[in-house]
Amino acid sequence: MTATPSPTRRLTVEEMKGYRQGCTQLMPNVPTSYDYVPHLSAGIVFCVLFSLSMTGHIVQGIRKRNWTRYVLATGALTELLGWTGRTWSSQCPYNETAFLLQITTLIIAPTFFSAAAYLILGTLIRLSSTSSPPSPSRLSVLSPTAYLVLFCAADAIALATQAVGGALASLAQKRGTSTATGTNIMVGGVVFQMGAMTVFVGLLADFLRRVWRLGRSNGNCGRMMTRGSKLPLPQGAKWVLLALLTSVAAIYVRSVYRTVELLQGWRGYLIVREGYFVALDAAMMVVAVGVYNVLDPAVLLLPSCVQEGQGDGVRAVRDGEVLLGGGEDGKGEEKH
């Protein structure tokens, strides 16, 4: 670590450039890109939490051949990279690479968690269908495939927009020019993602309304009875819905916070106070991804007695035959 220079002398451009490329202690009257020094303890805690979540999702993804798990693991990895950058910044507060690493990764990580939510709702709709051939139109405005295509496309647009905005803002900050253009683009990406999530929440509410109208749970593998017909719903569906709603709520809180934060500017009230970032971004993302480690959709939706509609009858489907987010229409066969 480079020694702290005398505060009585104004730093030259070349000296400041050297400090941004190396590892220098905090200097009096020389602000960092954060306008504060990130806490090492926060960096370590969140690196550990996202590492544990990522590892759990990878292990379950391999065991269940579950693509949704890989999406969640990718999001957790992105968060881990961001918090690695912030941990680095706690020791080298002026290092430009550390700052750029955290700002570009932490702005896009929630995109993967929202994509997982779209996959999970599509799976719930598919498993709740009873007609032959399966038709989820009774339960949802959109088909499971439409959820995947439309909302993941929206996520991709939001991801690209935020990445471009973050890159432009970082470049402007490096050059000492206005970051307004990049910031506005980032805000646009976050707002677009929040808008897509709002539409998704509306469709989720519509799904729950339709399920409620069709009948109520009657036990026996979550079979739902309504007007003489049977609507199979896995016993664990209510827990999966709880996990889904919890994750979506956390993503939404974070999106609102990020929007207000960025609109205030790079020296605004929220962005220069780490406590808000820890509580309204980092903690929310731990909840958004960690809730699926605790309430595993692949396990809760696939008990050995899960039933699937086939014509007028109901047949049993053994554990592992229907894969969350994997294979054609989520169906496949797990190899033991």
C-alpha atoms as a PDB file:
ATOM      1  CA  MET A   1       0.000   0.000   0.000  1.00  0.00           C
ATOM      2  CA  THR A   2       1.338   3.426  -0.964  1.00  0.00           C
ATOM      3  CA  ALA A   3       2.079   5.820   1.870  1.00  0.00           C
ATOM      4  CA  THR A   4      -0.209   8.812   2.360  1.00  0.00           C
ATOM      5  CA  PRO A   5       1.284  11.985   0.807  1.00  0.00           C
ATOM      6  CA  SER A   6       1.431  15.304   2.607  1.00  0.00           C
ATOM      7  CA  PRO A   7      -2.013  16.985   2.651  1.00  0.00           C
ATOM      8  CA  THR A   8      -0.414  20.439   2.385  1.00  0.00           C
ATOM      9  CA  ARG A   9       0.495  19.895  -1.274  1.00  0.00           C
ATOM     10  CA  ARG A  10      -2.019  19.757  -4.121  1.00  0.00           C
ATOM     11  CA  LEU A  11      -1.835  16.459  -6.005  1.00  0.00           C
ATOM     12  CA  THR A  12      -0.897  16.499  -9.650  1.00  0.00           C
ATOM     13  CA  VAL A  13      -2.976  14.713 -12.296  1.00  0.00           C
ATOM     14  CA  GLU A  14      -0.254  12.111 -12.739  1.00  0.00           C
ATOM     15  CA  GLU A  15      -0.077  11.458  -9.004  1.00  0.00           C
ATOM     16  CA  MET A  16      -3.838  10.999  -8.773  1.00  0.00           C
ATOM     17  CA  LYS A  17      -3.739   8.669 -11.765  1.00  0.00           C
ATOM     18  CA  GLY A  18      -1.119   6.583  -9.992  1.00  0.00           C
ATOM     19  CA  TYR A  19      -3.234   6.378  -6.851  1.00  0.00           C
ATOM     20  CA  ARG A  20      -6.243   5.229  -8.874  1.00  0.00           C
ATOM     21  CA  GLN A  21      -4.209   2.431 -10.388  1.00  0.00           C
ATOM     22  CA  GLY A  22      -2.503   1.368  -7.174  1.00  0.00           C
ATOM     23  CA  CYS A  23      -3.431   0.970  -3.515  1.00  0.00           C
ATOM     24  CA  THR A  24      -3.245   4.153  -1.463  1.00  0.00           C
ATOM     25  CA  GLN A  25      -4.488   4.972   2.016  1.00  0.00           C
ATOM     26  CA  LEU A  26      -7.253   7.520   2.472  1.00  0.00           C
ATOM     27  CA  MET A  27      -5.890  11.060   2.094  1.00  0.00           C
ATOM     28  CA  PRO A  28      -7.300  14.147   3.842  1.00  0.00           C
ATOM     29  CA  ASN A  29      -9.350  16.411   1.556  1.00  0.00           C
ATOM     30  CA  VAL A  30      -9.086  13.934  -1.341  1.00  0.00           C
ATOM     31  CA  PRO A  31     -12.499  12.254  -1.827  1.00  0.00           C
ATOM     32  CA  THR A  32     -12.858   8.733  -3.151  1.00  0.00           C
ATOM     33  CA  SER A  33     -15.204   7.789  -5.998  1.00  0.00           C
ATOM     34  CA  TYR A  34     -17.694   6.641  -3.330  1.00  0.00           C
ATOM     35  CA  ASP A  35     -17.240   9.796  -1.237  1.00  0.00           C
ATOM     36  CA  TYR A  36     -16.562   7.395   1.635  1.00  0.00           C
ATOM     37  CA  VAL A  37     -14.475   4.277   2.280  1.00  0.00           C
ATOM     38  CA  PRO A  38     -16.492   1.019   2.101  1.00  0.00           C
ATOM     39  CA  HIS A  39     -16.420  -0.989   5.322  1.00  0.00           C
ATOM     40  CA  LEU A  40     -14.276  -4.117   5.199  1.00  0.00           C
ATOM     41  CA  SER A  41     -16.662  -5.971   7.526  1.00  0.00           C
ATOM     42  CA  ALA A  42     -19.617  -5.408   5.181  1.00  0.00           C
ATOM     43  CA  GLY A  43     -17.549  -6.616   2.239  1.00  0.00           C
ATOM     44  CA  ILE A  44     -16.546  -9.822   4.004  1.00  0.00           C
ATOM     45  CA  VAL A  45     -20.081 -10.561   5.244  1.00  0.00           C
ATOM     46  CA  PHE A  46     -21.717 -10.198   1.847  1.00  0.00           C
ATOM     47  CA  CYS A  47     -18.936 -12.031   0.019  1.00  0.00           C
ATOM     48  CA  VAL A  48     -19.529 -14.977   2.364  1.00  0.00           C
ATOM     49  CA  LEU A  49     -23.329 -14.833   2.050  1.00  0.00           C
ATOM     50  CA  PHE A  50     -23.364 -14.681  -1.745  1.00  0.00           C
ATOM     51  CA  SER A  51     -20.682 -17.387  -1.943  1.00  0.00           C
ATOM     52  CA  LEU A  52     -22.787 -19.720   0.194  1.00  0.00           C
ATOM     53  CA  SER A  53     -25.924 -19.019  -1.827  1.00  0.00           C
ATOM     54  CA  MET A  54     -24.090 -19.501  -5.126  1.00  0.00           C
ATOM     55  CA  THR A  55     -22.576 -22.799  -3.989  1.00  0.00           C
ATOM     56  CA  GLY A  56     -25.954 -24.087  -2.817  1.00  0.00           C
ATOM     57  CA  HIS A  57     -27.629 -23.231  -6.110  1.00  0.00           C
ATOM     58  CA  ILE A  58     -24.844 -24.829  -8.143  1.00  0.00           C
ATOM     59  CA  VAL A  59     -25.006 -28.056  -6.128  1.00  0.00           C
ATOM     60  CA  GLN A  60     -28.792 -28.251  -6.436  1.00  0.00           C
ATOM     61  CA  GLY A  61     -28.616 -27.332 -10.101  1.00  0.00           C
ATOM     62  CA  ILE A  62     -26.281 -30.235 -10.776  1.00  0.00           C
ATOM     63  CA  ARG A  63     -28.338 -32.667  -8.686  1.00  0.00           C
ATOM     64  CA  LYS A  64     -31.686 -31.704 -10.216  1.00  0.00           C
ATOM     65  CA  ARG A  65     -30.504 -30.619 -13.674  1.00  0.00           C
ATOM     66  CA  ASN A  66     -32.318 -27.401 -12.869  1.00  0.00           C
ATOM     67  CA  TRP A  67     -31.652 -24.416 -15.144  1.00  0.00           C
ATOM     68  CA  THR A  68     -33.384 -22.006 -12.788  1.00  0.00           C
ATOM     69  CA  ARG A  69     -30.726 -22.803 -10.208  1.00  0.00           C
ATOM     70  CA  TYR A  70     -27.979 -21.866 -12.661  1.00  0.00           C
ATOM     71  CA  VAL A  71     -29.677 -18.521 -13.303  1.00  0.00           C
ATOM     72  CA  LEU A  72     -29.753 -17.852  -9.555  1.00  0.00           C
ATOM     73  CA  ALA A  73     -26.139 -18.982  -9.190  1.00  0.00           C
ATOM     74  CA  THR A  74     -25.093 -16.586 -11.953  1.00  0.00           C
ATOM     75  CA  GLY A  75     -26.825 -13.730 -10.161  1.00  0.00           C
ATOM     76  CA  ALA A  76     -25.153 -14.666  -6.867  1.00  0.00           C
ATOM     77  CA  LEU A  77     -21.780 -14.813  -8.654  1.00  0.00           C
ATOM     78  CA  THR A  78     -22.369 -11.349 -10.089  1.00  0.00           C
ATOM     79  CA  GLU A  79     -23.150 -10.031  -6.605  1.00  0.00           C
ATOM     80  CA  LEU A  80     -20.045 -11.772  -5.279  1.00  0.00           C
ATOM     81  CA  LEU A  81     -17.874 -10.040  -7.882  1.00  0.00           C
ATOM     82  CA  GLY A  82     -19.384  -6.701  -6.942  1.00  0.00           C
ATOM     83  CA  TRP A  83     -18.752  -7.196  -3.253  1.00  0.00           C
ATOM     84  CA  THR A  84     -15.243  -8.380  -4.001  1.00  0.00           C
ATOM     85  CA  GLY A  85     -14.733  -4.993  -5.628  1.00  0.00           C
ATOM     86  CA  ARG A  86     -16.098  -3.189  -2.581  1.00  0.00           C
ATOM     87  CA  THR A  87     -13.919  -5.260  -0.254  1.00  0.00           C
ATOM     88  CA  TRP A  88     -10.950  -4.320  -2.420  1.00  0.00           C
ATOM     89  CA  SER A  89     -12.006  -0.666  -2.202  1.00  0.00           C
ATOM     90  CA  SER A  90     -12.049  -0.855   1.594  1.00  0.00           C
ATOM     91  CA  GLN A  91      -8.295  -1.398   1.464  1.00  0.00           C
ATOM     92  CA  CYS A  92      -7.550   0.637  -1.662  1.00  0.00           C
ATOM     93  CA  PRO A  93     -10.207   3.396  -1.632  1.00  0.00           C
ATOM     94  CA  TYR A  94      -8.899   5.195  -4.721  1.00  0.00           C
ATOM     95  CA  ASN A  95      -8.405   2.141  -6.922  1.00  0.00           C
ATOM     96  CA  GLU A  96     -10.371   2.682 -10.109  1.00  0.00           C
ATOM     97  CA  THR A  97     -10.598  -0.977 -11.140  1.00  0.00           C
ATOM     98  CA  ALA A  98     -12.186  -1.942  -7.825  1.00  0.00           C
ATOM     99  CA  PHE A  99     -14.752   0.847  -8.131  1.00  0.00           C
ATOM    100  CA  LEU A 100     -15.675  -0.015 -11.718  1.00  0.00           C
ATOM    101  CA  LEU A 101     -15.937  -3.716 -10.847  1.00  0.00           C
ATOM    102  CA  GLN A 102     -18.532  -3.125  -8.151  1.00  0.00           C
ATOM    103  CA  ILE A 103     -20.574  -0.523  -9.980  1.00  0.00           C
ATOM    104  CA  THR A 104     -20.966  -2.543 -13.186  1.00  0.00           C
ATOM    105  CA  THR A 105     -21.804  -5.853 -11.495  1.00  0.00           C
ATOM    106  CA  LEU A 106     -24.086  -4.749  -8.654  1.00  0.00           C
ATOM    107  CA  ILE A 107     -26.330  -2.748 -10.981  1.00  0.00           C
ATOM    108  CA  ILE A 108     -27.088  -5.769 -13.209  1.00  0.00           C
ATOM    109  CA  ALA A 109     -27.176  -8.686 -10.731  1.00  0.00           C
ATOM    110  CA  PRO A 110     -30.922  -8.429  -9.881  1.00  0.00           C
ATOM    111  CA  THR A 111     -31.722  -9.105 -13.533  1.00  0.00           C
ATOM    112  CA  PHE A 112     -30.856 -12.767 -12.990  1.00  0.00           C
ATOM    113  CA  PHE A 113     -33.075 -13.017  -9.910  1.00  0.00           C
ATOM    114  CA  SER A 114     -36.072 -11.559 -11.722  1.00  0.00           C
ATOM    115  CA  ALA A 115     -35.462 -13.993 -14.611  1.00  0.00           C
ATOM    116  CA  ALA A 116     -35.624 -16.864 -12.105  1.00  0.00           C
ATOM    117  CA  ALA A 117     -38.967 -15.535 -10.851  1.00  0.00           C
ATOM    118  CA  TYR A 118     -40.364 -15.651 -14.392  1.00  0.00           C
ATOM    119  CA  LEU A 119     -39.212 -19.259 -14.799  1.00  0.00           C
ATOM    120  CA  ILE A 120     -40.724 -20.321 -11.492  1.00  0.00           C
ATOM    121  CA  LEU A 121     -44.141 -18.813 -12.195  1.00  0.00           C
ATOM    122  CA  GLY A 122     -44.143 -20.483 -15.613  1.00  0.00           C
ATOM    123  CA  THR A 123     -43.442 -23.806 -13.929  1.00  0.00           C
ATOM    124  CA  LEU A 124     -46.271 -23.299 -11.428  1.00  0.00           C
ATOM    125  CA  ILE A 125     -48.702 -22.597 -14.254  1.00  0.00           C
ATOM    126  CA  ARG A 126     -47.523 -25.623 -16.232  1.00  0.00           C
ATOM    127  CA  LEU A 127     -47.792 -28.010 -13.278  1.00  0.00           C
ATOM    128  CA  SER A 128     -51.256 -26.698 -12.445  1.00  0.00           C
ATOM    129  CA  SER A 129     -52.695 -27.455 -15.890  1.00  0.00           C
ATOM    130  CA  THR A 130     -55.139 -30.345 -16.155  1.00  0.00           C
ATOM    131  CA  SER A 131     -56.363 -30.637 -19.735  1.00  0.00           C
ATOM    132  CA  SER A 132     -54.841 -32.845 -22.423  1.00  0.00           C
ATOM    133  CA  PRO A 133     -52.924 -31.591 -24.249  1.00  0.00           C
ATOM    134  CA  PRO A 134     -51.867 -29.329 -21.349  1.00  0.00           C
ATOM    135  CA  SER A 135     -53.389 -25.857 -21.635  1.00  0.00           C
ATOM    136  CA  PRO A 136     -52.631 -23.325 -18.898  1.00  0.00           C
ATOM    137  CA  SER A 137     -54.997 -20.747 -20.413  1.00  0.00           C
ATOM    138  CA  ARG A 138     -57.472 -21.358 -17.564  1.00  0.00           C
ATOM    139  CA  LEU A 139     -54.874 -20.173 -15.086  1.00  0.00           C
ATOM    140  CA  SER A 140     -52.945 -17.418 -16.825  1.00  0.00           C
ATOM    141  CA  VAL A 141     -53.177 -14.773 -19.507  1.00  0.00           C
ATOM    142  CA  LEU A 142     -49.791 -15.905 -20.848  1.00  0.00           C
ATOM    143  CA  SER A 143     -48.407 -19.371 -21.467  1.00  0.00           C
ATOM    144  CA  PRO A 144     -45.291 -20.504 -19.565  1.00  0.00           C
ATOM    145  CA  THR A 145     -43.257 -20.111 -22.769  1.00  0.00           C
ATOM    146  CA  ALA A 146     -44.574 -16.577 -23.246  1.00  0.00           C
ATOM    147  CA  TYR A 147     -43.466 -15.681 -19.717  1.00  0.00           C
ATOM    148  CA  LEU A 148     -39.980 -16.902 -20.505  1.00  0.00           C
ATOM    149  CA  VAL A 149     -39.695 -15.158 -23.870  1.00  0.00           C
ATOM    150  CA  LEU A 150     -41.321 -11.814 -23.053  1.00  0.00           C
ATOM    151  CA  PHE A 151     -39.968 -11.174 -19.584  1.00  0.00           C
ATOM    152  CA  CYS A 152     -36.486 -12.536 -20.198  1.00  0.00           C
ATOM    153  CA  ALA A 153     -36.340 -10.307 -23.292  1.00  0.00           C
ATOM    154  CA  ALA A 154     -37.326  -7.378 -21.070  1.00  0.00           C
ATOM    155  CA  ASP A 155     -34.616  -8.399 -18.605  1.00  0.00           C
ATOM    156  CA  ALA A 156     -32.046  -8.527 -21.404  1.00  0.00           C
ATOM    157  CA  ILE A 157     -32.992  -5.008 -22.503  1.00  0.00           C
ATOM    158  CA  ALA A 158     -32.768  -3.741 -18.917  1.00  0.00           C
ATOM    159  CA  LEU A 159     -29.435  -5.514 -18.449  1.00  0.00           C
ATOM    160  CA  ALA A 160     -27.922  -4.017 -21.607  1.00  0.00           C
ATOM    161  CA  THR A 161     -29.240  -0.538 -20.811  1.00  0.00           C
ATOM    162  CA  GLN A 162     -27.875  -0.548 -17.271  1.00  0.00           C
ATOM    163  CA  ALA A 163     -24.518  -1.923 -18.412  1.00  0.00           C
ATOM    164  CA  VAL A 164     -24.142   0.758 -21.092  1.00  0.00           C
ATOM    165  CA  GLY A 165     -25.214   3.496 -18.700  1.00  0.00           C
ATOM    166  CA  GLY A 166     -22.831   2.283 -16.019  1.00  0.00           C
ATOM    167  CA  ALA A 167     -19.937   2.142 -18.470  1.00  0.00           C
ATOM    168  CA  LEU A 168     -20.625   5.666 -19.764  1.00  0.00           C
ATOM    169  CA  ALA A 169     -20.984   7.083 -16.258  1.00  0.00           C
ATOM    170  CA  SER A 170     -17.777   5.404 -15.103  1.00  0.00           C
ATOM    171  CA  LEU A 171     -15.883   6.653 -18.151  1.00  0.00           C
ATOM    172  CA  ALA A 172     -17.171  10.179 -17.592  1.00  0.00           C
ATOM    173  CA  GLN A 173     -16.161  10.067 -13.956  1.00  0.00           C
ATOM    174  CA  LYS A 174     -12.700   8.873 -14.945  1.00  0.00           C
ATOM    175  CA  ARG A 175     -12.326  11.787 -17.368  1.00  0.00           C
ATOM    176  CA  GLY A 176     -13.740  14.288 -14.916  1.00  0.00           C
ATOM    177  CA  THR A 177     -16.677  15.155 -17.188  1.00  0.00           C
ATOM    178  CA  SER A 178     -20.432  15.113 -16.547  1.00  0.00           C
ATOM    179  CA  THR A 179     -21.904  11.717 -15.654  1.00  0.00           C
ATOM    180  CA  ALA A 180     -25.466  12.864 -16.392  1.00  0.00           C
ATOM    181  CA  THR A 181     -25.868  10.944 -19.661  1.00  0.00           C
ATOM    182  CA  GLY A 182     -24.646   7.629 -18.266  1.00  0.00           C
ATOM    183  CA  THR A 183     -26.632   8.087 -15.070  1.00  0.00           C
ATOM    184  CA  ASN A 184     -29.846   8.828 -16.959  1.00  0.00           C
ATOM    185  CA  ILE A 185     -29.360   5.714 -19.087  1.00  0.00           C
ATOM    186  CA  MET A 186     -28.819   3.626 -15.948  1.00  0.00           C
ATOM    187  CA  VAL A 187     -31.961   5.079 -14.394  1.00  0.00           C
ATOM    188  CA  GLY A 188     -33.862   4.252 -17.572  1.00  0.00           C
ATOM    189  CA  GLY A 189     -32.697   0.636 -17.359  1.00  0.00           C
ATOM    190  CA  VAL A 190     -33.675   0.319 -13.697  1.00  0.00           C
ATOM    191  CA  VAL A 191     -37.089   1.923 -14.292  1.00  0.00           C
ATOM    192  CA  PHE A 192     -37.707  -0.314 -17.311  1.00  0.00           C
ATOM    193  CA  GLN A 193     -36.865  -3.380 -15.226  1.00  0.00           C
ATOM    194  CA  MET A 194     -39.160  -2.162 -12.453  1.00  0.00           C
ATOM    195  CA  GLY A 195     -41.940  -1.637 -14.992  1.00  0.00           C
ATOM    196  CA  ALA A 196     -41.533  -5.182 -16.318  1.00  0.00           C
ATOM    197  CA  MET A 197     -41.576  -6.478 -12.753  1.00  0.00           C
ATOM    198  CA  THR A 198     -44.776  -4.522 -12.081  1.00  0.00           C
ATOM    199  CA  VAL A 199     -46.483  -6.178 -15.049  1.00  0.00           C
ATOM    200  CA  PHE A 200     -45.201  -9.540 -13.810  1.00  0.00           C
ATOM    201  CA  VAL A 201     -46.627  -8.914 -10.334  1.00  0.00           C
ATOM    202  CA  GLY A 202     -49.980  -8.113 -11.924  1.00  0.00           C
ATOM    203  CA  LEU A 203     -49.932 -11.378 -13.885  1.00  0.00           C
ATOM    204  CA  LEU A 204     -48.887 -13.270 -10.763  1.00  0.00           C
ATOM    205  CA  ALA A 205     -51.840 -11.763  -8.895  1.00  0.00           C
ATOM    206  CA  ASP A 206     -54.117 -12.796 -11.766  1.00  0.00           C
ATOM    207  CA  PHE A 207     -52.762 -16.363 -11.561  1.00  0.00           C
ATOM    208  CA  LEU A 208     -53.460 -16.501  -7.822  1.00  0.00           C
ATOM    209  CA  ARG A 209     -56.953 -15.104  -8.360  1.00  0.00           C
ATOM    210  CA  ARG A 210     -57.746 -17.772 -10.958  1.00  0.00           C
ATOM    211  CA  VAL A 211     -56.386 -20.570  -8.773  1.00  0.00           C
ATOM    212  CA  TRP A 212     -58.433 -19.292  -5.845  1.00  0.00           C
ATOM    213  CA  ARG A 213     -61.580 -19.232  -7.948  1.00  0.00           C
ATOM    214  CA  LEU A 214     -60.990 -22.743  -9.269  1.00  0.00           C
ATOM    215  CA  GLY A 215     -60.921 -24.258  -5.821  1.00  0.00           C
ATOM    216  CA  ARG A 216     -59.060 -24.679  -2.575  1.00  0.00           C
ATOM    217  CA  SER A 217     -56.448 -27.181  -1.513  1.00  0.00           C
ATOM    218  CA  ASN A 218     -57.784 -30.531  -0.335  1.00  0.00           C
ATOM    219  CA  GLY A 219     -54.522 -32.246   0.673  1.00  0.00           C
ATOM    220  CA  ASN A 220     -53.512 -35.449  -1.099  1.00  0.00           C
ATOM    221  CA  CYS A 221     -50.550 -34.120  -3.025  1.00  0.00           C
ATOM    222  CA  GLY A 222     -52.068 -30.658  -3.113  1.00  0.00           C
ATOM    223  CA  ARG A 223     -54.985 -31.734  -5.305  1.00  0.00           C
ATOM    224  CA  MET A 224     -57.455 -28.893  -5.675  1.00  0.00           C
ATOM    225  CA  MET A 225     -61.160 -29.636  -6.022  1.00  0.00           C
ATOM    226  CA  THR A 226     -63.533 -27.419  -7.937  1.00  0.00           C
ATOM    227  CA  ARG A 227     -67.009 -28.129  -9.312  1.00  0.00           C
ATOM    228  CA  GLY A 228     -66.310 -31.800  -9.836  1.00  0.00           C
ATOM    229  CA  SER A 229     -62.955 -31.265 -11.589  1.00  0.00           C
ATOM    230  CA  LYS A 230     -59.491 -31.792 -10.166  1.00  0.00           C
ATOM    231  CA  LEU A 231     -56.742 -29.216 -10.391  1.00  0.00           C
ATOM    232  CA  PRO A 232     -53.404 -30.787  -9.382  1.00  0.00           C
ATOM    233  CA  LEU A 233     -51.180 -28.436  -7.453  1.00  0.00           C
ATOM    234  CA  PRO A 234     -48.024 -29.598  -5.651  1.00  0.00           C
ATOM    235  CA  GLN A 235     -48.255 -29.563  -1.880  1.00  0.00           C
ATOM    236  CA  GLY A 236     -45.291 -27.230  -1.689  1.00  0.00           C
ATOM    237  CA  ALA A 237     -46.833 -24.658  -4.033  1.00  0.00           C
ATOM    238  CA  LYS A 238     -47.786 -22.298  -1.212  1.00  0.00           C
ATOM    239  CA  TRP A 239     -44.176 -22.255   0.010  1.00  0.00           C
ATOM    240  CA  VAL A 240     -42.887 -21.682  -3.505  1.00  0.00           C
ATOM    241  CA  LEU A 241     -45.327 -18.798  -3.879  1.00  0.00           C
ATOM    242  CA  LEU A 242     -44.099 -17.401  -0.553  1.00  0.00           C
ATOM    243  CA  ALA A 243     -40.500 -17.598  -1.797  1.00  0.00           C
ATOM    244  CA  LEU A 244     -41.470 -16.047  -5.124  1.00  0.00           C
ATOM    245  CA  LEU A 245     -43.350 -13.148  -3.529  1.00  0.00           C
ATOM    246  CA  THR A 246     -40.533 -12.549  -1.029  1.00  0.00           C
ATOM    247  CA  SER A 247     -37.907 -12.459  -3.777  1.00  0.00           C
ATOM    248  CA  VAL A 248     -39.977 -10.184  -6.014  1.00  0.00           C
ATOM    249  CA  ALA A 249     -40.679  -7.801  -3.112  1.00  0.00           C
ATOM    250  CA  ALA A 250     -36.955  -7.600  -2.320  1.00  0.00           C
ATOM    251  CA  ILE A 251     -36.104  -6.880  -5.966  1.00  0.00           C
ATOM    252  CA  TYR A 252     -38.788  -4.206  -6.061  1.00  0.00           C
ATOM    253  CA  VAL A 253     -37.512  -2.463  -2.917  1.00  0.00           C
ATOM    254  CA  ARG A 254     -34.014  -2.458  -4.348  1.00  0.00           C
ATOM    255  CA  SER A 255     -35.202  -1.068  -7.695  1.00  0.00           C
ATOM    256  CA  VAL A 256     -37.039   1.819  -6.023  1.00  0.00           C
ATOM    257  CA  TYR A 257     -33.973   2.609  -3.912  1.00  0.00           C
ATOM    258  CA  ARG A 258     -31.622   2.497  -6.906  1.00  0.00           C
ATOM    259  CA  THR A 259     -33.899   4.729  -8.967  1.00  0.00           C
ATOM    260  CA  VAL A 260     -34.073   7.418  -6.275  1.00  0.00           C
ATOM    261  CA  GLU A 261     -30.355   7.072  -5.546  1.00  0.00           C
ATOM    262  CA  LEU A 262     -29.298   7.583  -9.153  1.00  0.00           C
ATOM    263  CA  LEU A 263     -31.760  10.428  -9.718  1.00  0.00           C
ATOM    264  CA  GLN A 264     -30.091  12.285  -6.832  1.00  0.00           C
ATOM    265  CA  GLY A 265     -26.762  12.126  -8.676  1.00  0.00           C
ATOM    266  CA  TRP A 266     -23.314  10.763  -7.864  1.00  0.00           C
ATOM    267  CA  ARG A 267     -22.965  13.012  -4.834  1.00  0.00           C
ATOM    268  CA  GLY A 268     -26.587  12.736  -3.706  1.00  0.00           C
ATOM    269  CA  TYR A 269     -27.748  12.015  -0.174  1.00  0.00           C
ATOM    270  CA  LEU A 270     -28.307   8.268  -0.628  1.00  0.00           C
ATOM    271  CA  ILE A 271     -25.337   7.316  -2.771  1.00  0.00           C
ATOM    272  CA  VAL A 272     -22.723   8.742  -0.374  1.00  0.00           C
ATOM    273  CA  ARG A 273     -24.117   6.868   2.647  1.00  0.00           C
ATOM    274  CA  GLU A 274     -23.137   3.214   2.730  1.00  0.00           C
ATOM    275  CA  GLY A 275     -25.759   2.249   5.295  1.00  0.00           C
ATOM    276  CA  TYR A 276     -28.585   2.763   2.822  1.00  0.00           C
ATOM    277  CA  PHE A 277     -26.761   0.731   0.190  1.00  0.00           C
ATOM    278  CA  VAL A 278     -26.191  -2.153   2.601  1.00  0.00           C
ATOM    279  CA  ALA A 279     -29.802  -2.199   3.832  1.00  0.00           C
ATOM    280  CA  LEU A 280     -31.692  -1.474   0.604  1.00  0.00           C
ATOM    281  CA  ASP A 281     -29.475  -3.127  -1.997  1.00  0.00           C
ATOM    282  CA  ALA A 282     -27.160  -5.766  -0.536  1.00  0.00           C
ATOM    283  CA  ALA A 283     -29.536  -7.107   2.121  1.00  0.00           C
ATOM    284  CA  MET A 284     -32.442  -7.139  -0.348  1.00  0.00           C
ATOM    285  CA  MET A 285     -30.385  -9.157  -2.834  1.00  0.00           C
ATOM    286  CA  VAL A 286     -29.398 -11.666  -0.148  1.00  0.00           C
ATOM    287  CA  VAL A 287     -33.113 -12.150   0.516  1.00  0.00           C
ATOM    288  CA  ALA A 288     -33.962 -12.307  -3.209  1.00  0.00           C
ATOM    289  CA  VAL A 289     -31.538 -15.156  -3.915  1.00  0.00           C
ATOM    290  CA  GLY A 290     -31.252 -16.756  -0.481  1.00  0.00           C
ATOM    291  CA  VAL A 291     -34.963 -17.435  -0.062  1.00  0.00           C
ATOM    292  CA  TYR A 292     -34.681 -20.054  -2.828  1.00  0.00           C
ATOM    293  CA  ASN A 293     -31.886 -21.801  -0.912  1.00  0.00           C
ATOM    294  CA  VAL A 294     -34.284 -22.218   2.013  1.00  0.00           C
ATOM    295  CA  LEU A 295     -37.490 -22.841   0.049  1.00  0.00           C
ATOM    296  CA  ASP A 296     -36.237 -24.875  -2.909  1.00  0.00           C
ATOM    297  CA  PRO A 297     -38.839 -24.833  -5.726  1.00  0.00           C
ATOM    298  CA  ALA A 298     -37.347 -27.926  -7.370  1.00  0.00           C
ATOM    299  CA  VAL A 299     -37.919 -29.897  -4.171  1.00  0.00           C
ATOM    300  CA  LEU A 300     -41.192 -28.346  -3.016  1.00  0.00           C
ATOM    301  CA  LEU A 301     -42.895 -28.687  -6.407  1.00  0.00           C
ATOM    302  CA  LEU A 302     -41.769 -32.255  -6.978  1.00  0.00           C
ATOM    303  CA  PRO A 303     -42.729 -34.540  -4.091  1.00  0.00           C
ATOM    304  CA  SER A 304     -42.972 -38.206  -5.003  1.00  0.00           C
ATOM    305  CA  CYS A 305     -46.766 -37.930  -5.044  1.00  0.00           C
ATOM    306  CA  VAL A 306     -47.034 -34.909  -7.372  1.00  0.00           C
ATOM    307  CA  GLN A 307     -49.835 -35.493  -9.822  1.00  0.00           C
ATOM    308  CA  GLU A 308     -50.189 -34.319 -13.363  1.00  0.00           C
ATOM    309  CA  GLY A 309     -53.462 -34.085 -15.317  1.00  0.00           C
ATOM    310  CA  GLN A 310     -53.841 -36.447 -18.242  1.00  0.00           C
ATOM    311  CA  GLY A 311     -57.170 -36.293 -20.026  1.00  0.00           C
ATOM    312  CA  ASP A 312     -59.991 -36.862 -17.538  1.00  0.00           C
ATOM    313  CA  GLY A 313     -57.768 -38.751 -15.147  1.00  0.00           C
ATOM    314  CA  VAL A 314     -54.836 -37.999 -12.946  1.00  0.00           C
ATOM    315  CA  ARG A 315     -51.570 -39.887 -13.051  1.00  0.00           C
ATOM    316  CA  ALA A 316     -48.709 -39.885 -10.592  1.00  0.00           C
ATOM    317  CA  VAL A 317     -45.391 -38.412 -11.639  1.00  0.00           C
ATOM    318  CA  ARG A 318     -42.320 -39.565  -9.779  1.00  0.00           C
ATOM    319  CA  ASP A 319     -39.913 -37.125  -8.235  1.00  0.00           C
ATOM    320  CA  GLY A 320     -37.522 -35.700 -10.789  1.00  0.00           C
ATOM    321  CA  GLU A 321     -39.602 -36.204 -13.912  1.00  0.00           C
ATOM    322  CA  VAL A 322     -40.653 -32.582 -14.164  1.00  0.00           C
ATOM    323  CA  LEU A 323     -37.668 -30.274 -14.057  1.00  0.00           C
ATOM    324  CA  LEU A 324     -37.987 -26.637 -13.070  1.00  0.00           C
ATOM    325  CA  GLY A 325     -36.808 -24.615 -16.028  1.00  0.00           C
ATOM    326  CA  GLY A 326     -35.157 -27.526 -17.803  1.00  0.00           C
ATOM    327  CA  GLY A 327     -35.960 -29.447 -20.960  1.00  0.00           C
ATOM    328  CA  GLU A 328     -38.913 -28.967 -23.242  1.00  0.00           C
ATOM    329  CA  ASP A 329     -41.778 -27.434 -21.260  1.00  0.00           C
ATOM    330  CA  GLY A 330     -39.819 -28.195 -18.130  1.00  0.00           C
ATOM    331  CA  LYS A 331     -40.052 -31.954 -18.535  1.00  0.00           C
ATOM    332  CA  GLY A 332     -37.286 -34.423 -18.489  1.00  0.00           C
ATOM    333  CA  GLU A 333     -36.043 -37.375 -16.556  1.00  0.00           C
ATOM    334  CA  GLU A 334     -33.509 -37.134 -13.802  1.00  0.00           C
ATOM    335  CA  LYS A 335     -30.792 -39.731 -13.924  1.00  0.00           C
ATOM    336  CA  HIS A 336     -30.009 -41.242 -10.546  1.00  0.00           C
END
